Amino acid sequence: MRIRSARRSDLPLLQDIERAAGEPFRDLGMAFVADDDPPPLDLLESYRLAGRCWVATDPLFGTGDRPLGYVLADPVDDALHIEQVSVAPAAARRGIGRDLIAHLAALAAPRGMAALTLTTFTDVPWNAPYYARIGFRILTDPELTDGLRAIRAEEAQHGLDRWPRVCMRRELAPADRPSGAAGAVRIPRMPDAPAAPDTAEAVAVSGSP
């Protein structure tokens, strides 16, 4: 398993992953989610150029360097917010989502970010219950930051609040953060951003169920 920055040529494949990853929601009576369009190419390109889009690949899976999953992230308040993480159903249960999230943590902690955050559905087995198993906790309303409140308001406007939805947070170890780091952190580019329009560095990670 390896994780690398996304290439421009990956972006249509990320849309395919998103469409496939949405289909299981249909079996839960959430056709609205299943039918939701994937992120448009121009949005994915903006994440790629900002160095905040990563993909997971596994040559041993038989797909070569083709992405099996991806993650998008934004600095929000004192945390790195997971805007989207999706894995192709054919590659599910191999630890790909967990490894993508671990990759974000490894990048964010040394740069003074206090946590990873995300928003997700409460009652979908592979959403909030899964994130709880890998160290996230549900935030109470008073714990929400201004940035998270803005994200939730945007999601509600999009119609996602027709099912129970929460914000979750995973603290990053203080020992992994530089001394004196506090408050909001603005990181316009993450450190492994592509140096050229269609290049990427690879980072090896463990892959397990």
Protein backbone atom coordinates (compact mmCIF):
# COMPACT_ATOMS: atom_id res chain seq x y z
CA MET A 1 0.00 0.00 0.00
CA ARG A 2 1.25 3.52 -0.71
CA ILE A 3 -0.21 6.98 -0.41
CA ARG A 4 0.78 9.75 -2.78
CA SER A 5 -0.39 13.16 -3.83
CA ALA A 6 -3.07 13.06 -6.50
CA ARG A 7 -2.17 13.63 -10.15
CA ARG A 8 -4.38 15.46 -12.60
CA SER A 9 -4.92 12.21 -14.48
CA ASP A 10 -6.32 10.63 -11.27
CA LEU A 11 -9.21 13.04 -10.89
CA PRO A 12 -11.82 11.34 -13.14
CA LEU A 13 -10.98 8.09 -11.34
CA LEU A 14 -11.69 9.76 -8.00
CA GLN A 15 -15.14 10.67 -9.32
CA ASP A 16 -15.67 6.99 -10.22
CA ILE A 17 -14.63 5.96 -6.70
CA GLU A 18 -17.07 8.46 -5.21
CA ARG A 19 -19.98 7.20 -7.32
CA ALA A 20 -19.24 3.57 -6.40
CA ALA A 21 -18.75 4.40 -2.71
CA GLY A 22 -22.15 6.09 -2.66
CA GLU A 23 -24.10 3.08 -3.90
CA PRO A 24 -24.25 1.22 -0.52
CA PHE A 25 -26.25 4.16 0.88
CA ARG A 26 -29.08 3.14 -1.45
CA ASP A 27 -29.60 -0.07 0.55
CA LEU A 28 -30.15 2.08 3.68
CA GLY A 29 -32.92 4.09 2.04
CA MET A 30 -30.54 7.01 1.42
CA ALA A 31 -30.89 7.28 -2.35
CA PHE A 32 -30.37 11.05 -2.10
CA VAL A 33 -26.82 10.39 -0.92
CA ALA A 34 -26.22 7.63 -3.47
CA ASP A 35 -27.40 9.89 -6.30
CA ASP A 36 -25.37 12.91 -5.18
CA ASP A 37 -22.86 14.01 -7.82
CA PRO A 38 -19.16 13.44 -7.05
CA PRO A 39 -16.94 16.48 -6.53
CA PRO A 40 -16.56 18.30 -9.87
CA LEU A 41 -13.21 18.13 -11.61
CA ASP A 42 -12.45 21.81 -11.05
CA LEU A 43 -12.94 21.39 -7.30
CA LEU A 44 -10.76 18.28 -7.21
CA GLU A 45 -8.14 20.17 -9.20
CA SER A 46 -8.18 23.01 -6.69
CA TYR A 47 -7.48 20.52 -3.88
CA ARG A 48 -4.75 18.90 -5.93
CA LEU A 49 -3.02 22.19 -6.69
CA ALA A 50 -3.25 23.19 -3.03
CA GLY A 51 -1.58 19.91 -2.05
CA ARG A 52 -4.60 18.67 -0.11
CA CYS A 53 -5.69 15.66 -2.14
CA TRP A 54 -4.08 12.25 -1.62
CA VAL A 55 -4.75 8.83 -3.11
CA ALA A 56 -4.04 5.28 -1.96
CA THR A 57 -2.76 2.71 -4.43
CA ASP A 58 -1.64 -0.89 -4.14
CA PRO A 59 0.22 -2.61 -7.01
CA LEU A 60 -0.43 -5.96 -5.28
CA PHE A 61 -4.16 -5.42 -5.68
CA GLY A 62 -3.76 -5.85 -9.43
CA THR A 63 -4.59 -2.24 -10.34
CA GLY A 64 -1.03 -0.93 -10.51
CA ASP A 65 -0.88 2.74 -9.62
CA ARG A 66 -4.61 3.27 -10.06
CA PRO A 67 -6.24 4.94 -7.00
CA LEU A 68 -8.28 2.69 -4.74
CA GLY A 69 -9.26 5.49 -2.36
CA TYR A 70 -8.73 9.18 -1.79
CA VAL A 71 -8.98 11.90 0.83
CA LEU A 72 -9.50 15.68 0.67
CA ALA A 73 -8.68 17.93 3.62
CA ASP A 74 -8.93 21.58 4.66
CA PRO A 75 -7.38 23.50 7.57
CA VAL A 76 -10.37 24.50 9.73
CA ASP A 77 -9.77 26.43 12.96
CA ASP A 78 -7.13 24.46 14.93
CA ALA A 79 -7.60 21.19 13.03
CA LEU A 80 -7.18 19.51 9.69
CA HIS A 81 -10.72 18.78 8.53
CA ILE A 82 -11.42 15.69 6.45
CA GLU A 83 -13.66 17.02 3.73
CA GLN A 84 -14.04 13.66 2.01
CA VAL A 85 -12.57 10.18 2.33
CA SER A 86 -13.81 7.44 0.03
CA VAL A 87 -12.66 3.93 -0.87
CA ALA A 88 -13.71 1.85 -3.87
CA PRO A 89 -16.07 -0.91 -2.65
CA ALA A 90 -13.92 -3.52 -4.39
CA ALA A 91 -11.04 -2.52 -2.11
CA ALA A 92 -13.06 -2.19 1.10
CA ARG A 93 -12.03 -3.79 4.41
CA ARG A 94 -8.32 -3.50 3.63
CA GLY A 95 -7.55 -0.58 5.96
CA ILE A 96 -7.29 1.95 3.13
CA GLY A 97 -9.52 4.58 4.75
CA ARG A 98 -7.70 4.20 8.05
CA ASP A 99 -4.32 4.58 6.34
CA LEU A 100 -5.42 7.70 4.49
CA ILE A 101 -6.55 9.23 7.79
CA ALA A 102 -3.29 8.20 9.48
CA HIS A 103 -1.42 9.93 6.66
CA LEU A 104 -3.28 13.17 7.39
CA ALA A 105 -2.47 12.88 11.09
CA ALA A 106 1.21 12.38 10.33
CA LEU A 107 1.24 15.55 8.23
CA ALA A 108 -0.89 17.71 10.52
CA ALA A 109 0.57 17.05 13.97
CA PRO A 110 4.13 18.30 13.35
CA ARG A 111 2.70 21.50 11.87
CA GLY A 112 0.87 22.57 15.00
CA MET A 113 -2.59 21.29 14.23
CA ALA A 114 -4.36 19.96 17.31
CA ALA A 115 -6.73 17.43 15.78
CA LEU A 116 -8.44 15.87 12.80
CA THR A 117 -12.14 16.64 12.38
CA LEU A 118 -14.93 15.45 10.11
CA THR A 119 -18.69 15.41 9.74
CA THR A 120 -20.55 12.17 9.15
CA PHE A 121 -23.84 10.28 9.45
CA THR A 122 -24.60 8.96 12.92
CA ASP A 123 -26.43 5.75 12.01
CA VAL A 124 -24.49 4.52 8.97
CA PRO A 125 -22.26 1.62 10.09
CA TRP A 126 -19.27 2.71 8.00
CA ASN A 127 -19.60 6.33 9.11
CA ALA A 128 -19.75 7.46 12.78
CA PRO A 129 -19.39 3.96 14.31
CA TYR A 130 -16.33 3.31 12.14
CA TYR A 131 -14.69 6.63 13.00
CA ALA A 132 -15.31 6.00 16.69
CA ARG A 133 -13.37 2.74 16.39
CA ILE A 134 -10.33 4.60 15.01
CA GLY A 135 -10.21 7.25 17.70
CA PHE A 136 -12.75 9.95 16.81
CA ARG A 137 -15.35 11.18 19.30
CA ILE A 138 -18.64 12.99 18.70
CA LEU A 139 -18.54 16.68 19.57
CA THR A 140 -21.32 18.26 21.60
CA ASP A 141 -22.88 21.42 20.27
CA PRO A 142 -20.95 23.74 22.66
CA GLU A 143 -17.70 22.14 21.46
CA LEU A 144 -18.25 23.07 17.82
CA THR A 145 -15.89 25.70 16.47
CA ASP A 146 -17.06 28.48 14.18
CA GLY A 147 -15.59 26.66 11.20
CA LEU A 148 -17.41 23.43 11.99
CA ARG A 149 -20.67 25.29 12.49
CA ALA A 150 -20.26 26.83 9.04
CA ILE A 151 -19.63 23.41 7.51
CA ARG A 152 -22.70 21.94 9.20
CA ALA A 153 -24.83 24.83 8.01
CA GLU A 154 -23.67 24.26 4.45
CA GLU A 155 -24.44 20.54 4.72
CA ALA A 156 -27.90 21.28 6.06
CA GLN A 157 -28.52 23.60 3.12
CA HIS A 158 -27.48 20.77 0.81
CA GLY A 159 -30.10 18.50 2.40
CA LEU A 160 -27.85 16.12 4.32
CA ASP A 161 -29.58 16.81 7.64
CA ARG A 162 -32.57 14.68 6.69
CA TRP A 163 -30.58 11.92 8.47
CA PRO A 164 -28.83 12.34 11.86
CA ARG A 165 -25.40 13.83 11.37
CA VAL A 166 -22.57 14.79 13.75
CA CYS A 167 -19.15 16.41 13.93
CA MET A 168 -16.32 14.22 15.19
CA ARG A 169 -12.77 15.00 16.34
CA ARG A 170 -9.59 13.01 16.94
CA GLU A 171 -6.96 14.73 19.03
CA LEU A 172 -3.36 14.60 17.85
CA ALA A 173 -0.72 13.81 20.44
CA PRO A 174 0.73 17.02 21.95
CA ALA A 175 4.19 15.48 21.80
CA ASP A 176 3.88 15.40 18.02
CA ARG A 177 3.23 19.13 17.80
CA PRO A 178 5.89 21.86 18.00
CA SER A 179 6.08 23.71 21.31
CA GLY A 180 4.17 26.97 21.42
CA ALA A 181 1.68 25.89 18.75
CA ALA A 182 -1.78 27.17 19.65
CA GLY A 183 -4.88 28.66 18.14
CA ALA A 184 -5.86 28.61 14.48
CA VAL A 185 -3.33 27.28 12.01
CA ARG A 186 -3.39 28.34 8.38
CA ILE A 187 -1.66 25.96 5.98
CA PRO A 188 -2.35 26.92 2.36
CA ARG A 189 -0.26 24.00 1.07
CA MET A 190 0.51 20.72 2.77
CA PRO A 191 4.13 19.57 2.61
CA ASP A 192 3.86 16.88 -0.04
CA ALA A 193 2.04 19.09 -2.55
CA PRO A 194 2.98 18.20 -6.13
CA ALA A 195 5.87 20.27 -7.41
CA ALA A 196 4.64 20.07 -10.99
CA PRO A 197 1.16 19.77 -12.50
CA ASP A 198 1.24 15.98 -12.84
CA THR A 199 3.89 14.66 -10.46
CA ALA A 200 3.59 13.13 -7.01
CA GLU A 201 5.68 11.76 -4.15
CA ALA A 202 4.74 8.39 -2.67
CA VAL A 203 4.62 7.53 1.03
CA ALA A 204 4.60 3.89 2.06
CA VAL A 205 2.07 2.89 4.71
CA SER A 206 0.95 -0.37 6.21
CA GLY A 207 -2.14 -1.96 4.79
CA SER A 208 -4.25 -4.30 6.93
CA PRO A 209 -7.92 -5.18 7.30
